[in-house]
C-alpha atoms as a PDB file:
ATOM      1  CA  MET A   1     -88.629 -40.944  51.176  1.00  0.00           C
ATOM      2  CA  GLN A   2     -89.123 -37.701  53.494  1.00  0.00           C
ATOM      3  CA  LEU A   3     -88.682 -39.283  56.947  1.00  0.00           C
ATOM      4  CA  SER A   4     -87.661 -37.505  59.690  1.00  0.00           C
ATOM      5  CA  GLU A   5     -84.119 -38.123  61.293  1.00  0.00           C
ATOM      6  CA  ASP A   6     -86.056 -40.079  64.196  1.00  0.00           C
ATOM      7  CA  GLU A   7     -88.743 -42.102  61.278  1.00  0.00           C
ATOM      8  CA  LEU A   8     -84.844 -42.214  59.583  1.00  0.00           C
ATOM      9  CA  ALA A   9     -83.400 -44.128  61.802  1.00  0.00           C
ATOM     10  CA  ARG A  10     -86.695 -46.342  63.251  1.00  0.00           C
ATOM     11  CA  ALA A  11     -86.857 -47.671  59.382  1.00  0.00           C
ATOM     12  CA  ALA A  12     -83.196 -48.615  59.616  1.00  0.00           C
ATOM     13  CA  GLU A  13     -83.468 -50.526  62.712  1.00  0.00           C
ATOM     14  CA  ASP A  14     -86.647 -51.920  61.160  1.00  0.00           C
ATOM     15  CA  ALA A  15     -85.127 -52.667  57.600  1.00  0.00           C
ATOM     16  CA  HIS A  16     -82.045 -54.601  59.719  1.00  0.00           C
ATOM     17  CA  ALA A  17     -83.913 -56.792  61.699  1.00  0.00           C
ATOM     18  CA  VAL A  18     -86.068 -57.834  57.942  1.00  0.00           C
ATOM     19  CA  ILE A  19     -82.908 -58.443  56.550  1.00  0.00           C
ATOM     20  CA  GLU A  20     -81.500 -60.716  59.722  1.00  0.00           C
ATOM     21  CA  GLN A  21     -85.161 -62.364  59.440  1.00  0.00           C
ATOM     22  CA  ALA A  22     -83.854 -63.170  55.838  1.00  0.00           C
ATOM     23  CA  LYS A  23     -80.534 -64.472  57.234  1.00  0.00           C
ATOM     24  CA  VAL A  24     -81.604 -67.179  59.607  1.00  0.00           C
ATOM     25  CA  ALA A  25     -84.719 -68.304  56.536  1.00  0.00           C
ATOM     26  CA  SER A  26     -80.958 -69.002  55.251  1.00  0.00           C
ATOM     27  CA  VAL A  27     -82.787 -66.908  52.221  1.00  0.00           C
ATOM     28  CA  TYR A  28     -80.328 -63.808  52.371  1.00  0.00           C
ATOM     29  CA  VAL A  29     -77.278 -64.292  49.794  1.00  0.00           C
ATOM     30  CA  PHE A  30     -75.858 -60.316  49.786  1.00  0.00           C
ATOM     31  CA  GLY A  31     -76.570 -56.599  50.117  1.00  0.00           C
ATOM     32  CA  GLY A  32     -75.238 -53.290  49.921  1.00  0.00           C
ATOM     33  CA  GLY A  33     -75.560 -49.800  48.492  1.00  0.00           C
ATOM     34  CA  ILE A  34     -73.211 -47.808  45.924  1.00  0.00           C
ATOM     35  CA  ASN A  35     -70.271 -45.505  47.911  1.00  0.00           C
ATOM     36  CA  GLU A  36     -71.001 -42.482  47.355  1.00  0.00           C
ATOM     37  CA  ASP A  37     -67.635 -41.128  48.572  1.00  0.00           C
ATOM     38  CA  VAL A  38     -65.900 -42.666  46.106  1.00  0.00           C
ATOM     39  CA  LYS A  39     -65.770 -41.617  42.498  1.00  0.00           C
ATOM     40  CA  SER A  40     -66.754 -43.858  40.059  1.00  0.00           C
ATOM     41  CA  VAL A  41     -64.357 -44.699  36.859  1.00  0.00           C
ATOM     42  CA  PRO A  42     -66.249 -44.864  33.221  1.00  0.00           C
ATOM     43  CA  VAL A  43     -64.992 -47.765  31.081  1.00  0.00           C
ATOM     44  CA  SER A  44     -66.388 -47.716  27.448  1.00  0.00           C
ATOM     45  CA  ALA A  45     -67.033 -50.850  25.283  1.00  0.00           C
ATOM     46  CA  ALA A  46     -63.445 -49.803  23.597  1.00  0.00           C
ATOM     47  CA  GLY A  47     -61.382 -50.113  26.586  1.00  0.00           C
ATOM     48  CA  GLU A  48     -60.965 -46.434  27.388  1.00  0.00           C
ATOM     49  CA  VAL A  49     -61.001 -45.429  31.369  1.00  0.00           C
ATOM     50  CA  THR A  50     -62.340 -42.603  31.665  1.00  0.00           C
ATOM     51  CA  SER A  51     -63.887 -39.566  34.908  1.00  0.00           C
ATOM     52  CA  GLY A  52     -67.005 -39.100  35.757  1.00  0.00           C
ATOM     53  CA  THR A  53     -70.602 -41.372  35.267  1.00  0.00           C
ATOM     54  CA  TYR A  54     -72.083 -41.990  32.377  1.00  0.00           C
ATOM     55  CA  SER A  55     -75.201 -39.465  31.706  1.00  0.00           C
ATOM     56  CA  GLY A  56     -78.384 -41.057  33.368  1.00  0.00           C
ATOM     57  CA  THR A  57     -77.328 -43.384  36.165  1.00  0.00           C
ATOM     58  CA  ASN A  58     -78.557 -42.675  39.438  1.00  0.00           C
ATOM     59  CA  MET A  59     -77.583 -45.343  41.594  1.00  0.00           C
ATOM     60  CA  THR A  60     -78.350 -44.283  45.227  1.00  0.00           C
ATOM     61  CA  CYS A  61     -80.075 -47.025  45.903  1.00  0.00           C
ATOM     62  CA  ARG A  62     -79.497 -49.975  48.165  1.00  0.00           C
ATOM     63  CA  PHE A  63     -79.984 -53.174  47.464  1.00  0.00           C
ATOM     64  CA  ALA A  64     -80.501 -56.851  48.399  1.00  0.00           C
ATOM     65  CA  VAL A  65     -80.566 -60.224  47.070  1.00  0.00           C
ATOM     66  CA  LEU A  66     -82.422 -63.386  47.941  1.00  0.00           C
ATOM     67  CA  GLU A  67     -82.351 -66.804  47.316  1.00  0.00           C
ATOM     68  CA  LEU A  68     -86.272 -67.679  47.186  1.00  0.00           C
ATOM     69  CA  PRO A  69     -88.460 -70.953  45.604  1.00  0.00           C
ATOM     70  CA  THR A  70     -90.775 -69.045  44.184  1.00  0.00           C
ATOM     71  CA  ARG A  71     -91.841 -65.822  42.772  1.00  0.00           C
ATOM     72  CA  ARG A  72     -95.083 -65.734  45.733  1.00  0.00           C
ATOM     73  CA  ASP A  73     -92.052 -66.083  48.432  1.00  0.00           C
ATOM     74  CA  ALA A  74     -90.016 -63.489  46.567  1.00  0.00           C
ATOM     75  CA  LYS A  75     -93.089 -60.773  46.701  1.00  0.00           C
ATOM     76  CA  GLU A  76     -94.027 -61.420  49.832  1.00  0.00           C
ATOM     77  CA  TRP A  77     -90.169 -60.732  51.405  1.00  0.00           C
ATOM     78  CA  ALA A  78     -90.685 -57.646  49.140  1.00  0.00           C
ATOM     79  CA  ARG A  79     -93.410 -56.717  50.997  1.00  0.00           C
ATOM     80  CA  LYS A  80     -91.887 -56.740  54.531  1.00  0.00           C
ATOM     81  CA  ILE A  81     -88.501 -55.176  53.536  1.00  0.00           C
ATOM     82  CA  ALA A  82     -90.748 -52.432  51.452  1.00  0.00           C
ATOM     83  CA  VAL A  83     -92.830 -51.907  55.605  1.00  0.00           C
ATOM     84  CA  ALA A  84     -89.851 -52.197  56.420  1.00  0.00           C
ATOM     85  CA  CYS A  85     -88.220 -48.980  55.427  1.00  0.00           C
ATOM     86  CA  ARG A  86     -91.098 -47.529  54.830  1.00  0.00           C
ATOM     87  CA  CYS A  87     -90.701 -46.916  50.935  1.00  0.00           C
ATOM     88  CA  SER A  88     -91.356 -48.690  47.410  1.00  0.00           C
ATOM     89  CA  GLN A  89     -89.238 -51.697  46.036  1.00  0.00           C
ATOM     90  CA  GLU A  90     -88.688 -52.431  43.173  1.00  0.00           C
ATOM     91  CA  LEU A  91     -88.337 -56.459  42.817  1.00  0.00           C
ATOM     92  CA  ARG A  92     -86.384 -58.081  40.112  1.00  0.00           C
ATOM     93  CA  GLU A  93     -85.205 -61.738  39.086  1.00  0.00           C
ATOM     94  CA  PHE A  94     -81.565 -62.775  38.077  1.00  0.00           C
ATOM     95  CA  MET A  95     -80.945 -64.319  35.462  1.00  0.00           C
ATOM     96  CA  HIS A  96     -78.395 -67.480  35.944  1.00  0.00           C
ATOM     97  CA  ASP A  97     -75.354 -68.221  34.045  1.00  0.00           C
ATOM     98  CA  PRO A  98     -76.575 -71.073  31.303  1.00  0.00           C
ATOM     99  CA  ALA A  99     -72.475 -72.021  31.472  1.00  0.00           C
ATOM    100  CA  THR A 100     -72.607 -72.992  35.556  1.00  0.00           C
END
């Protein structure tokens, strides 16, 4: 994403507007991003707590979780978000916990 400060501000406004649309449509679940001001805390599979980050970790993105009835609907919301943000998006599907 290479936007001027003005373009970035407009993209943020447009992205927030799409999220508001999702809330009004009752499909918004939650969203967020990584607070880069707080250091990560890696915890190994053996339970060892260390400092730093795991190599290859890149979590500087933001995300939104929507609950939608069809894959087609999901693609349409992803399209709206991509246009508003002026950047490519990656659409993923959550697996539900089979125990619930």
